[in-house]
Amino acid sequence: MFFRTTRIFAEAQKLLDDGNVLIARLPTGYGFLADQVKRASTSIMLNFAEGNGKKGLKERQRFFRIAKGSLYEVAAVYDVALSFGFIEISFHQKVIDRCDYIAAMLTKWR
């Protein structure tokens, strides 16, 4: 399956891995952030994959827009985590840069 060989999919997988780092740093009582980053990160990969399985351009782009929305959600989780002091600025910036990179690729993907 072609989508599995794309940079978008590879970067989304790295974003999922970054989520595991964040989850390990969350203190007790913040499981809701863990759930949110898991769901949104997974949604990016799954919607990108599903979009690649659609024939019509409009339908494909709809799934890519959903993936991009989930990507923004992931970025917001990292903003919250930074605000609460759960992650350092360097880790936050690395993840936000990855999010920007994936967003740019999703915008152009057909």
C-alpha atoms as a PDB file:
ATOM      1  CA  MET A   1       0.000   0.000   0.000  1.00  0.00           C
ATOM      2  CA  PHE A   2       1.539   3.195  -1.250  1.00  0.00           C
ATOM      3  CA  PHE A   3       0.482   5.516   1.607  1.00  0.00           C
ATOM      4  CA  ARG A   4       2.734   3.553   3.983  1.00  0.00           C
ATOM      5  CA  THR A   5       5.815   4.646   2.013  1.00  0.00           C
ATOM      6  CA  THR A   6       5.101   8.389   2.115  1.00  0.00           C
ATOM      7  CA  ARG A   7       6.878  11.033   4.190  1.00  0.00           C
ATOM      8  CA  ILE A   8       3.517  12.065   5.604  1.00  0.00           C
ATOM      9  CA  PHE A   9       2.906   8.616   7.036  1.00  0.00           C
ATOM     10  CA  ALA A  10       6.488   8.343   8.356  1.00  0.00           C
ATOM     11  CA  GLU A  11       6.301  11.744  10.045  1.00  0.00           C
ATOM     12  CA  ALA A  12       2.865  10.937  11.473  1.00  0.00           C
ATOM     13  CA  GLN A  13       4.361   7.763  12.944  1.00  0.00           C
ATOM     14  CA  LYS A  14       7.106   9.845  14.569  1.00  0.00           C
ATOM     15  CA  LEU A  15       4.409  12.141  15.951  1.00  0.00           C
ATOM     16  CA  LEU A  16       2.712   9.096  17.455  1.00  0.00           C
ATOM     17  CA  ASP A  17       6.038   8.128  19.017  1.00  0.00           C
ATOM     18  CA  ASP A  18       6.417  11.672  20.397  1.00  0.00           C
ATOM     19  CA  GLY A  19       3.017  11.171  22.012  1.00  0.00           C
ATOM     20  CA  ASN A  20       4.380   8.212  23.949  1.00  0.00           C
ATOM     21  CA  VAL A  21       7.134  10.464  25.315  1.00  0.00           C
ATOM     22  CA  LEU A  22       4.561  13.059  26.365  1.00  0.00           C
ATOM     23  CA  ILE A  23       2.324  10.429  27.969  1.00  0.00           C
ATOM     24  CA  ALA A  24       5.231   9.127  30.045  1.00  0.00           C
ATOM     25  CA  ARG A  25       5.788  12.656  31.397  1.00  0.00           C
ATOM     26  CA  LEU A  26       2.197  13.337  32.398  1.00  0.00           C
ATOM     27  CA  PRO A  27       1.497  13.285  36.125  1.00  0.00           C
ATOM     28  CA  THR A  28      -1.412  11.459  37.690  1.00  0.00           C
ATOM     29  CA  GLY A  29      -4.685  13.192  36.963  1.00  0.00           C
ATOM     30  CA  TYR A  30      -3.870  14.192  33.395  1.00  0.00           C
ATOM     31  CA  GLY A  31      -4.982  11.028  31.655  1.00  0.00           C
ATOM     32  CA  PHE A  32      -7.380  13.114  29.598  1.00  0.00           C
ATOM     33  CA  LEU A  33      -4.382  14.659  27.805  1.00  0.00           C
ATOM     34  CA  ALA A  34      -2.947  11.198  27.187  1.00  0.00           C
ATOM     35  CA  ASP A  35      -6.245  10.062  25.690  1.00  0.00           C
ATOM     36  CA  GLN A  36      -6.495  13.198  23.551  1.00  0.00           C
ATOM     37  CA  VAL A  37      -2.993  12.921  22.096  1.00  0.00           C
ATOM     38  CA  LYS A  38      -3.473   9.189  21.428  1.00  0.00           C
ATOM     39  CA  ARG A  39      -6.783   9.694  19.624  1.00  0.00           C
ATOM     40  CA  ALA A  40      -5.712  12.728  17.617  1.00  0.00           C
ATOM     41  CA  SER A  41      -2.324  11.254  16.617  1.00  0.00           C
ATOM     42  CA  THR A  42      -3.979   8.035  15.564  1.00  0.00           C
ATOM     43  CA  SER A  43      -6.618   9.971  13.618  1.00  0.00           C
ATOM     44  CA  ILE A  44      -3.929  11.646  11.522  1.00  0.00           C
ATOM     45  CA  MET A  45      -2.550   8.319  10.353  1.00  0.00           C
ATOM     46  CA  LEU A  46      -5.902   6.618   9.886  1.00  0.00           C
ATOM     47  CA  ASN A  47      -7.559   9.463   7.971  1.00  0.00           C
ATOM     48  CA  PHE A  48      -4.518   9.888   5.750  1.00  0.00           C
ATOM     49  CA  ALA A  49      -4.580   6.160   5.004  1.00  0.00           C
ATOM     50  CA  GLU A  50      -8.320   6.136   4.359  1.00  0.00           C
ATOM     51  CA  GLY A  51      -8.103   9.199   2.134  1.00  0.00           C
ATOM     52  CA  ASN A  52      -5.538   7.454  -0.023  1.00  0.00           C
ATOM     53  CA  GLY A  53      -8.026   4.668  -0.585  1.00  0.00           C
ATOM     54  CA  LYS A  54     -10.650   6.986  -2.068  1.00  0.00           C
ATOM     55  CA  LYS A  55     -10.950   7.542  -5.800  1.00  0.00           C
ATOM     56  CA  GLY A  56     -12.571  10.961  -6.050  1.00  0.00           C
ATOM     57  CA  LEU A  57     -10.408  14.025  -5.389  1.00  0.00           C
ATOM     58  CA  LYS A  58     -13.021  15.768  -3.228  1.00  0.00           C
ATOM     59  CA  GLU A  59     -13.508  12.703  -1.061  1.00  0.00           C
ATOM     60  CA  ARG A  60      -9.752  12.200  -0.711  1.00  0.00           C
ATOM     61  CA  GLN A  61      -9.264  15.825   0.251  1.00  0.00           C
ATOM     62  CA  ARG A  62     -12.025  15.587   2.864  1.00  0.00           C
ATOM     63  CA  PHE A  63     -10.091  12.853   4.684  1.00  0.00           C
ATOM     64  CA  PHE A  64      -6.872  14.847   4.410  1.00  0.00           C
ATOM     65  CA  ARG A  65      -8.651  17.877   5.940  1.00  0.00           C
ATOM     66  CA  ILE A  66      -9.831  15.692   8.820  1.00  0.00           C
ATOM     67  CA  ALA A  67      -6.247  14.477   9.307  1.00  0.00           C
ATOM     68  CA  LYS A  68      -5.066  18.093   9.318  1.00  0.00           C
ATOM     69  CA  GLY A  69      -7.686  19.028  11.916  1.00  0.00           C
ATOM     70  CA  SER A  70      -6.423  16.215  14.125  1.00  0.00           C
ATOM     71  CA  LEU A  71      -2.903  17.485  13.570  1.00  0.00           C
ATOM     72  CA  TYR A  72      -3.909  20.905  14.911  1.00  0.00           C
ATOM     73  CA  GLU A  73      -5.445  19.178  17.895  1.00  0.00           C
ATOM     74  CA  VAL A  74      -2.164  17.389  18.596  1.00  0.00           C
ATOM     75  CA  ALA A  75      -0.293  20.701  18.422  1.00  0.00           C
ATOM     76  CA  ALA A  76      -2.725  22.206  20.921  1.00  0.00           C
ATOM     77  CA  VAL A  77      -2.168  19.308  23.335  1.00  0.00           C
ATOM     78  CA  TYR A  78       1.547  20.074  23.256  1.00  0.00           C
ATOM     79  CA  ASP A  79       0.815  23.765  23.874  1.00  0.00           C
ATOM     80  CA  VAL A  80      -1.196  22.771  26.950  1.00  0.00           C
ATOM     81  CA  ALA A  81       1.537  20.400  28.124  1.00  0.00           C
ATOM     82  CA  LEU A  82       4.106  23.181  27.789  1.00  0.00           C
ATOM     83  CA  SER A  83       1.896  25.617  29.682  1.00  0.00           C
ATOM     84  CA  PHE A  84       1.544  23.132  32.544  1.00  0.00           C
ATOM     85  CA  GLY A  85       5.308  22.555  32.565  1.00  0.00           C
ATOM     86  CA  PHE A  86       5.134  18.874  31.609  1.00  0.00           C
ATOM     87  CA  ILE A  87       7.540  19.242  28.686  1.00  0.00           C
ATOM     88  CA  GLU A  88      10.503  21.466  27.961  1.00  0.00           C
ATOM     89  CA  ILE A  89      10.470  24.107  25.253  1.00  0.00           C
ATOM     90  CA  SER A  90      12.928  22.189  23.038  1.00  0.00           C
ATOM     91  CA  PHE A  91      10.668  19.113  22.911  1.00  0.00           C
ATOM     92  CA  HIS A  92       7.630  21.315  22.299  1.00  0.00           C
ATOM     93  CA  GLN A  93       9.362  23.111  19.431  1.00  0.00           C
ATOM     94  CA  LYS A  94      10.477  19.823  17.839  1.00  0.00           C
ATOM     95  CA  VAL A  95       6.908  18.517  17.882  1.00  0.00           C
ATOM     96  CA  ILE A  96       5.398  21.789  16.617  1.00  0.00           C
ATOM     97  CA  ASP A  97       7.933  21.854  13.772  1.00  0.00           C
ATOM     98  CA  ARG A  98       6.916  18.286  12.894  1.00  0.00           C
ATOM     99  CA  CYS A  99       3.251  19.313  12.970  1.00  0.00           C
ATOM    100  CA  ASP A 100       3.944  22.271  10.655  1.00  0.00           C
ATOM    101  CA  TYR A 101       5.828  19.996   8.271  1.00  0.00           C
ATOM    102  CA  ILE A 102       3.026  17.425   8.160  1.00  0.00           C
ATOM    103  CA  ALA A 103       0.394  20.153   7.736  1.00  0.00           C
ATOM    104  CA  ALA A 104       2.244  21.591   4.749  1.00  0.00           C
ATOM    105  CA  MET A 105       2.493  18.173   3.139  1.00  0.00           C
ATOM    106  CA  LEU A 106      -1.177  17.379   3.787  1.00  0.00           C
ATOM    107  CA  THR A 107      -2.205  20.685   2.196  1.00  0.00           C
ATOM    108  CA  LYS A 108      -0.452  19.741  -1.039  1.00  0.00           C
ATOM    109  CA  TRP A 109      -1.242  16.014  -1.059  1.00  0.00           C
ATOM    110  CA  ARG A 110      -3.717  14.797  -3.676  1.00  0.00           C
END
